[in-house]
PDB file of N, CA and C in Angstrom:
ATOM      1  N   MET A   1    -158.357-122.885  25.916  1.00  0.00           N
ATOM      2  CA  MET A   1    -157.993-122.152  27.124  1.00  0.00           C
ATOM      3  C   MET A   1    -156.511-122.037  27.066  1.00  0.00           C
ATOM      4  N   GLU A   2    -156.004-120.823  27.453  1.00  0.00           N
ATOM      5  CA  GLU A   2    -154.557-120.568  27.470  1.00  0.00           C
ATOM      6  C   GLU A   2    -154.117-120.248  28.946  1.00  0.00           C
ATOM      7  N   VAL A   3    -153.207-120.951  29.397  1.00  0.00           N
ATOM      8  CA  VAL A   3    -152.713-120.826  30.718  1.00  0.00           C
ATOM      9  C   VAL A   3    -151.135-120.563  30.645  1.00  0.00           C
ATOM     10  N   ILE A   4    -150.693-119.506  31.206  1.00  0.00           N
ATOM     11  CA  ILE A   4    -149.256-119.118  31.171  1.00  0.00           C
ATOM     12  C   ILE A   4    -148.821-118.851  32.625  1.00  0.00           C
ATOM     13  N   VAL A   5    -147.711-119.468  33.010  1.00  0.00           N
ATOM     14  CA  VAL A   5    -147.108-119.162  34.327  1.00  0.00           C
ATOM     15  C   VAL A   5    -145.840-118.462  34.133  1.00  0.00           C
ATOM     16  N   TYR A   6    -145.737-117.240  34.603  1.00  0.00           N
ATOM     17  CA  TYR A   6    -144.467-116.474  34.649  1.00  0.00           C
ATOM     18  C   TYR A   6    -143.762-116.852  35.930  1.00  0.00           C
ATOM     19  N   SER A   7    -142.489-117.397  35.779  1.00  0.00           N
ATOM     20  CA  SER A   7    -141.849-117.908  36.977  1.00  0.00           C
ATOM     21  C   SER A   7    -140.339-117.662  36.870  1.00  0.00           C
ATOM     22  N   LYS A   8    -139.669-118.057  37.931  1.00  0.00           N
ATOM     23  CA  LYS A   8    -138.196-118.093  37.967  1.00  0.00           C
ATOM     24  C   LYS A   8    -137.822-119.400  38.620  1.00  0.00           C
ATOM     25  N   PRO A   9    -136.650-119.890  38.183  1.00  0.00           N
ATOM     26  CA  PRO A   9    -136.105-121.162  38.888  1.00  0.00           C
ATOM     27  C   PRO A   9    -135.924-120.955  40.300  1.00  0.00           C
ATOM     28  N   HIS A  10    -136.067-121.938  41.141  1.00  0.00           N
ATOM     29  CA  HIS A  10    -135.775-121.956  42.569  1.00  0.00           C
ATOM     30  C   HIS A  10    -136.844-121.031  43.341  1.00  0.00           C
ATOM     31  N   CYS A  11    -138.000-120.734  42.671  1.00  0.00           N
ATOM     32  CA  CYS A  11    -139.096-119.945  43.232  1.00  0.00           C
ATOM     33  C   CYS A  11    -140.011-121.004  43.832  1.00  0.00           C
ATOM     34  N   MET A  12    -140.167-121.054  45.202  1.00  0.00           N
ATOM     35  CA  MET A  12    -141.050-122.063  45.765  1.00  0.00           C
ATOM     36  C   MET A  12    -142.426-121.876  45.399  1.00  0.00           C
ATOM     37  N   GLU A  13    -143.003-120.671  45.466  1.00  0.00           N
ATOM     38  CA  GLU A  13    -144.387-120.354  45.055  1.00  0.00           C
ATOM     39  C   GLU A  13    -144.596-120.779  43.542  1.00  0.00           C
ATOM     40  N   CYS A  14    -143.628-120.377  42.689  1.00  0.00           N
ATOM     41  CA  CYS A  14    -143.751-120.715  41.292  1.00  0.00           C
ATOM     42  C   CYS A  14    -143.957-122.206  41.048  1.00  0.00           C
ATOM     43  N   ASN A  15    -143.024-122.984  41.823  1.00  0.00           N
ATOM     44  CA  ASN A  15    -143.085-124.404  41.680  1.00  0.00           C
ATOM     45  C   ASN A  15    -144.361-124.993  42.199  1.00  0.00           C
ATOM     46  N   LEU A  16    -144.874-124.380  43.183  1.00  0.00           N
ATOM     47  CA  LEU A  16    -146.278-124.943  43.789  1.00  0.00           C
ATOM     48  C   LEU A  16    -147.364-124.619  42.801  1.00  0.00           C
ATOM     49  N   VAL A  17    -147.279-123.430  42.079  1.00  0.00           N
ATOM     50  CA  VAL A  17    -148.375-123.133  41.139  1.00  0.00           C
ATOM     51  C   VAL A  17    -148.262-124.191  39.995  1.00  0.00           C
ATOM     52  N   LYS A  18    -147.003-124.418  39.550  1.00  0.00           N
ATOM     53  CA  LYS A  18    -146.933-125.376  38.459  1.00  0.00           C
ATOM     54  C   LYS A  18    -147.370-126.833  38.887  1.00  0.00           C
ATOM     55  N   ARG A  19    -147.068-127.164  40.117  1.00  0.00           N
ATOM     56  CA  ARG A  19    -147.493-128.505  40.582  1.00  0.00           C
ATOM     57  C   ARG A  19    -148.998-128.575  40.679  1.00  0.00           C
ATOM     58  N   PHE A  20    -149.601-127.527  41.259  1.00  0.00           N
ATOM     59  CA  PHE A  20    -151.059-127.376  41.326  1.00  0.00           C
ATOM     60  C   PHE A  20    -151.718-127.571  39.915  1.00  0.00           C
ATOM     61  N   LEU A  21    -151.182-126.905  38.936  1.00  0.00           N
ATOM     62  CA  LEU A  21    -151.792-127.065  37.616  1.00  0.00           C
ATOM     63  C   LEU A  21    -151.608-128.483  37.053  1.00  0.00           C
ATOM     64  N   LYS A  22    -150.422-129.017  37.312  1.00  0.00           N
ATOM     65  CA  LYS A  22    -150.181-130.419  36.844  1.00  0.00           C
ATOM     66  C   LYS A  22    -151.082-131.388  37.507  1.00  0.00           C
ATOM     67  N   ASP A  23    -151.290-131.171  38.883  1.00  0.00           N
ATOM     68  CA  ASP A  23    -152.186-132.024  39.608  1.00  0.00           C
ATOM     69  C   ASP A  23    -153.624-131.981  39.128  1.00  0.00           C
ATOM     70  N   HIS A  24    -154.001-130.797  38.518  1.00  0.00           N
ATOM     71  CA  HIS A  24    -155.381-130.626  38.016  1.00  0.00           C
ATOM     72  C   HIS A  24    -155.382-130.863  36.492  1.00  0.00           C
ATOM     73  N   GLN A  25    -154.290-131.435  35.956  1.00  0.00           N
ATOM     74  CA  GLN A  25    -154.246-131.834  34.515  1.00  0.00           C
ATOM     75  C   GLN A  25    -154.537-130.656  33.619  1.00  0.00           C
ATOM     76  N   VAL A  26    -153.892-129.482  33.948  1.00  0.00           N
ATOM     77  CA  VAL A  26    -154.082-128.271  33.127  1.00  0.00           C
ATOM     78  C   VAL A  26    -152.786-128.041  32.359  1.00  0.00           C
ATOM     79  N   SER A  27    -152.889-127.984  31.149  1.00  0.00           N
ATOM     80  CA  SER A  27    -151.774-127.633  30.262  1.00  0.00           C
ATOM     81  C   SER A  27    -151.425-126.208  30.399  1.00  0.00           C
ATOM     82  N   PHE A  28    -150.155-125.875  30.424  1.00  0.00           N
ATOM     83  CA  PHE A  28    -149.684-124.502  30.601  1.00  0.00           C
ATOM     84  C   PHE A  28    -148.320-124.336  30.012  1.00  0.00           C
ATOM     85  N   GLU A  29    -148.157-123.025  29.689  1.00  0.00           N
ATOM     86  CA  GLU A  29    -146.791-122.588  29.185  1.00  0.00           C
ATOM     87  C   GLU A  29    -145.994-121.909  30.372  1.00  0.00           C
ATOM     88  N   VAL A  30    -144.744-122.229  30.462  1.00  0.00           N
ATOM     89  CA  VAL A  30    -143.874-121.615  31.496  1.00  0.00           C
ATOM     90  C   VAL A  30    -143.070-120.455  30.840  1.00  0.00           C
ATOM     91  N   ARG A  31    -143.088-119.297  31.362  1.00  0.00           N
ATOM     92  CA  ARG A  31    -142.264-118.205  30.918  1.00  0.00           C
ATOM     93  C   ARG A  31    -141.238-117.904  31.945  1.00  0.00           C
ATOM     94  N   ASP A  32    -140.037-118.399  31.777  1.00  0.00           N
ATOM     95  CA  ASP A  32    -138.958-118.181  32.610  1.00  0.00           C
ATOM     96  C   ASP A  32    -138.337-116.754  32.618  1.00  0.00           C
ATOM     97  N   CYS A  33    -138.623-115.978  33.688  1.00  0.00           N
ATOM     98  CA  CYS A  33    -138.225-114.573  33.758  1.00  0.00           C
ATOM     99  C   CYS A  33    -136.751-114.349  33.878  1.00  0.00           C
ATOM    100  N   ASN A  34    -135.989-115.412  34.284  1.00  0.00           N
ATOM    101  CA  ASN A  34    -134.597-115.275  34.399  1.00  0.00           C
ATOM    102  C   ASN A  34    -133.927-115.409  33.045  1.00  0.00           C
ATOM    103  N   SER A  35    -134.335-116.359  32.242  1.00  0.00           N
ATOM    104  CA  SER A  35    -133.729-116.583  30.984  1.00  0.00           C
ATOM    105  C   SER A  35    -134.198-115.584  29.855  1.00  0.00           C
ATOM    106  N   ARG A  36    -135.398-115.040  30.058  1.00  0.00           N
ATOM    107  CA  ARG A  36    -135.911-114.114  29.158  1.00  0.00           C
ATOM    108  C   ARG A  36    -136.388-112.808  29.805  1.00  0.00           C
ATOM    109  N   PRO A  37    -135.517-111.773  29.984  1.00  0.00           N
ATOM    110  CA  PRO A  37    -135.881-110.561  30.709  1.00  0.00           C
ATOM    111  C   PRO A  37    -137.143-109.868  30.188  1.00  0.00           C
ATOM    112  N   GLU A  38    -137.480-110.034  28.887  1.00  0.00           N
ATOM    113  CA  GLU A  38    -138.716-109.425  28.436  1.00  0.00           C
ATOM    114  C   GLU A  38    -140.023-110.066  29.042  1.00  0.00           C
ATOM    115  N   TYR A  39    -139.890-111.255  29.574  1.00  0.00           N
ATOM    116  CA  TYR A  39    -140.986-111.848  30.362  1.00  0.00           C
ATOM    117  C   TYR A  39    -141.233-111.093  31.727  1.00  0.00           C
ATOM    118  N   LEU A  40    -140.172-110.698  32.347  1.00  0.00           N
ATOM    119  CA  LEU A  40    -140.274-109.934  33.603  1.00  0.00           C
ATOM    120  C   LEU A  40    -140.846-108.526  33.288  1.00  0.00           C
ATOM    121  N   GLU A  41    -140.514-108.010  32.099  1.00  0.00           N
ATOM    122  CA  GLU A  41    -141.105-106.738  31.667  1.00  0.00           C
ATOM    123  C   GLU A  41    -142.639-106.858  31.509  1.00  0.00           C
ATOM    124  N   GLU A  42    -143.012-107.982  30.962  1.00  0.00           N
ATOM    125  CA  GLU A  42    -144.502-108.232  30.804  1.00  0.00           C
ATOM    126  C   GLU A  42    -145.165-108.296  32.160  1.00  0.00           C
ATOM    127  N   VAL A  43    -144.508-108.985  33.143  1.00  0.00           N
ATOM    128  CA  VAL A  43    -145.075-108.957  34.522  1.00  0.00           C
ATOM    129  C   VAL A  43    -145.214-107.581  35.029  1.00  0.00           C
ATOM    130  N   LYS A  44    -144.210-106.723  34.866  1.00  0.00           N
ATOM    131  CA  LYS A  44    -144.263-105.418  35.309  1.00  0.00           C
ATOM    132  C   LYS A  44    -145.318-104.596  34.635  1.00  0.00           C
ATOM    133  N   GLU A  45    -145.597-104.850  33.364  1.00  0.00           N
ATOM    134  CA  GLU A  45    -146.566-104.172  32.660  1.00  0.00           C
ATOM    135  C   GLU A  45    -148.026-104.503  33.078  1.00  0.00           C
ATOM    136  N   MET A  46    -148.104-105.710  33.704  1.00  0.00           N
ATOM    137  CA  MET A  46    -149.416-106.107  34.240  1.00  0.00           C
ATOM    138  C   MET A  46    -149.555-105.558  35.680  1.00  0.00           C
ATOM    139  N   GLY A  47    -148.584-104.833  36.200  1.00  0.00           N
ATOM    140  CA  GLY A  47    -148.698-104.188  37.496  1.00  0.00           C
ATOM    141  C   GLY A  47    -148.070-104.925  38.596  1.00  0.00           C
ATOM    142  N   PHE A  48    -147.363-105.959  38.364  1.00  0.00           N
ATOM    143  CA  PHE A  48    -146.810-106.790  39.357  1.00  0.00           C
ATOM    144  C   PHE A  48    -145.243-106.630  39.498  1.00  0.00           C
ATOM    145  N   LEU A  49    -144.691-106.820  40.612  1.00  0.00           N
ATOM    146  CA  LEU A  49    -143.264-106.640  40.743  1.00  0.00           C
ATOM    147  C   LEU A  49    -142.477-107.991  40.847  1.00  0.00           C
ATOM    148  N   GLY A  50    -143.230-109.157  40.995  1.00  0.00           N
ATOM    149  CA  GLY A  50    -142.618-110.378  41.145  1.00  0.00           C
ATOM    150  C   GLY A  50    -143.456-111.495  40.602  1.00  0.00           C
ATOM    151  N   VAL A  51    -142.839-112.649  40.722  1.00  0.00           N
ATOM    152  CA  VAL A  51    -143.582-113.912  40.240  1.00  0.00           C
ATOM    153  C   VAL A  51    -143.903-114.740  41.320  1.00  0.00           C
ATOM    154  N   PRO A  52    -144.789-115.740  41.276  1.00  0.00           N
ATOM    155  CA  PRO A  52    -145.418-116.155  40.045  1.00  0.00           C
ATOM    156  C   PRO A  52    -146.611-115.305  39.626  1.00  0.00           C
ATOM    157  N   VAL A  53    -146.827-115.245  38.362  1.00  0.00           N
ATOM    158  CA  VAL A  53    -148.048-114.677  37.840  1.00  0.00           C
ATOM    159  C   VAL A  53    -148.647-115.651  36.896  1.00  0.00           C
ATOM    160  N   THR A  54    -149.842-116.045  37.129  1.00  0.00           N
ATOM    161  CA  THR A  54    -150.531-116.987  36.222  1.00  0.00           C
ATOM    162  C   THR A  54    -151.596-116.277  35.437  1.00  0.00           C
ATOM    163  N   LEU A  55    -151.559-116.490  34.128  1.00  0.00           N
ATOM    164  CA  LEU A  55    -152.529-115.920  33.245  1.00  0.00           C
ATOM    165  C   LEU A  55    -153.487-117.034  32.771  1.00  0.00           C
ATOM    166  N   VAL A  56    -154.772-116.813  32.990  1.00  0.00           N
ATOM    167  CA  VAL A  56    -155.750-117.833  32.548  1.00  0.00           C
ATOM    168  C   VAL A  56    -156.646-117.025  31.539  1.00  0.00           C
ATOM    169  N   ASN A  57    -156.416-117.346  30.247  1.00  0.00           N
ATOM    170  CA  ASN A  57    -157.131-116.556  29.230  1.00  0.00           C
ATOM    171  C   ASN A  57    -156.990-115.005  29.349  1.00  0.00           C
ATOM    172  N   GLY A  58    -155.745-114.653  29.703  1.00  0.00           N
ATOM    173  CA  GLY A  58    -155.447-113.210  29.820  1.00  0.00           C
ATOM    174  C   GLY A  58    -155.748-112.653  31.183  1.00  0.00           C
ATOM    175  N   GLU A  59    -156.374-113.375  32.098  1.00  0.00           N
ATOM    176  CA  GLU A  59    -156.642-112.828  33.433  1.00  0.00           C
ATOM    177  C   GLU A  59    -155.502-113.156  34.315  1.00  0.00           C
ATOM    178  N   PRO A  60    -154.774-112.083  34.817  1.00  0.00           N
ATOM    179  CA  PRO A  60    -153.632-112.319  35.670  1.00  0.00           C
ATOM    180  C   PRO A  60    -153.968-112.708  37.131  1.00  0.00           C
ATOM    181  N   ILE A  61    -153.289-113.595  37.690  1.00  0.00           N
ATOM    182  CA  ILE A  61    -153.418-113.996  39.140  1.00  0.00           C
ATOM    183  C   ILE A  61    -151.983-113.926  39.718  1.00  0.00           C
ATOM    184  N   HIS A  62    -151.807-113.158  40.710  1.00  0.00           N
ATOM    185  CA  HIS A  62    -150.412-112.991  41.285  1.00  0.00           C
ATOM    186  C   HIS A  62    -150.307-113.780  42.482  1.00  0.00           C
ATOM    187  N   GLY A  63    -149.163-114.451  42.577  1.00  0.00           N
ATOM    188  CA  GLY A  63    -148.798-115.317  43.734  1.00  0.00           C
ATOM    189  C   GLY A  63    -149.420-116.663  43.697  1.00  0.00           C
ATOM    190  N   LEU A  64    -149.437-117.306  44.818  1.00  0.00           N
ATOM    191  CA  LEU A  64    -149.939-118.682  45.020  1.00  0.00           C
ATOM    192  C   LEU A  64    -151.415-118.515  45.525  1.00  0.00           C
ATOM    193  N   GLN A  65    -152.388-118.602  44.611  1.00  0.00           N
ATOM    194  CA  GLN A  65    -153.796-118.409  44.928  1.00  0.00           C
ATOM    195  C   GLN A  65    -154.590-119.558  44.283  1.00  0.00           C
ATOM    196  N   PRO A  66    -154.504-120.858  44.737  1.00  0.00           N
ATOM    197  CA  PRO A  66    -155.161-121.875  44.078  1.00  0.00           C
ATOM    198  C   PRO A  66    -156.616-121.692  43.959  1.00  0.00           C
ATOM    199  N   ALA A  67    -157.318-121.221  44.933  1.00  0.00           N
ATOM    200  CA  ALA A  67    -158.791-121.006  44.745  1.00  0.00           C
ATOM    201  C   ALA A  67    -159.071-120.052  43.562  1.00  0.00           C
ATOM    202  N   GLU A  68    -158.369-118.935  43.497  1.00  0.00           N
ATOM    203  CA  GLU A  68    -158.551-118.052  42.409  1.00  0.00           C
ATOM    204  C   GLU A  68    -158.253-118.590  41.064  1.00  0.00           C
ATOM    205  N   ILE A  69    -157.088-119.396  41.001  1.00  0.00           N
ATOM    206  CA  ILE A  69    -156.748-120.082  39.685  1.00  0.00           C
ATOM    207  C   ILE A  69    -157.911-121.000  39.302  1.00  0.00           C
ATOM    208  N   LEU A  70    -158.430-121.762  40.273  1.00  0.00           N
ATOM    209  CA  LEU A  70    -159.581-122.715  39.974  1.00  0.00           C
ATOM    210  C   LEU A  70    -160.738-121.928  39.472  1.00  0.00           C
ATOM    211  N   LYS A  71    -161.049-120.777  40.140  1.00  0.00           N
ATOM    212  CA  LYS A  71    -162.227-119.981  39.717  1.00  0.00           C
ATOM    213  C   LYS A  71    -162.073-119.502  38.327  1.00  0.00           C
ATOM    214  N   GLN A  72    -160.852-119.055  37.941  1.00  0.00           N
ATOM    215  CA  GLN A  72    -160.690-118.544  36.540  1.00  0.00           C
ATOM    216  C   GLN A  72    -160.561-119.704  35.547  1.00  0.00           C
ATOM    217  N   LEU A  73    -160.106-120.890  35.964  1.00  0.00           N
ATOM    218  CA  LEU A  73    -160.165-122.024  35.007  1.00  0.00           C
ATOM    219  C   LEU A  73    -161.646-122.471  34.833  1.00  0.00           C
ATOM    220  N   GLU A  74    -162.438-122.442  35.800  1.00  0.00           N
ATOM    221  CA  GLU A  74    -163.854-122.770  35.644  1.00  0.00           C
ATOM    222  C   GLU A  74    -164.511-121.784  34.732  1.00  0.00           C
ATOM    223  N   LYS A  75    -164.272-120.555  35.000  1.00  0.00           N
ATOM    224  CA  LYS A  75    -164.828-119.449  34.128  1.00  0.00           C
ATOM    225  C   LYS A  75    -164.425-119.647  32.715  1.00  0.00           C
ATOM    226  N   ALA A  76    -163.106-119.920  32.471  1.00  0.00           N
ATOM    227  CA  ALA A  76    -162.708-120.076  31.127  1.00  0.00           C
ATOM    228  C   ALA A  76    -163.239-121.266  30.397  1.00  0.00           C
ATOM    229  N   SER A  77    -163.502-122.302  31.156  1.00  0.00           N
ATOM    230  CA  SER A  77    -163.958-123.508  30.528  1.00  0.00           C
ATOM    231  C   SER A  77    -165.502-123.379  30.152  1.00  0.00           C
ATOM    232  N   ARG A  78    -166.192-122.411  30.735  1.00  0.00           N
ATOM    233  CA  ARG A  78    -167.597-122.132  30.354  1.00  0.00           C
ATOM    234  C   ARG A  78    -167.714-121.248  29.108  1.00  0.00           C
ATOM    235  N   THR A  79    -166.640-120.646  28.717  1.00  0.00           N
ATOM    236  CA  THR A  79    -166.733-119.737  27.561  1.00  0.00           C
ATOM    237  C   THR A  79    -166.242-120.441  26.288  1.00  0.00           C
TER     238      THR A  79
END
């Protein structure tokens, strides 16, 4: 399972998404959109204007949506 969180420093929602994933013992990669502008371009290509965006096996979830993240994690673990 691949989980990626597009985020920016000092973004409260981004930090909450990362804490949520840690609390659920989910390994994830952080893509800092401030330090790597190409990551922000990837977010825009997915149709979003801001972060956080969490990708679970390629399925994007915008914003702080713990229930949706859990749903995608469960779906990904079944495949």
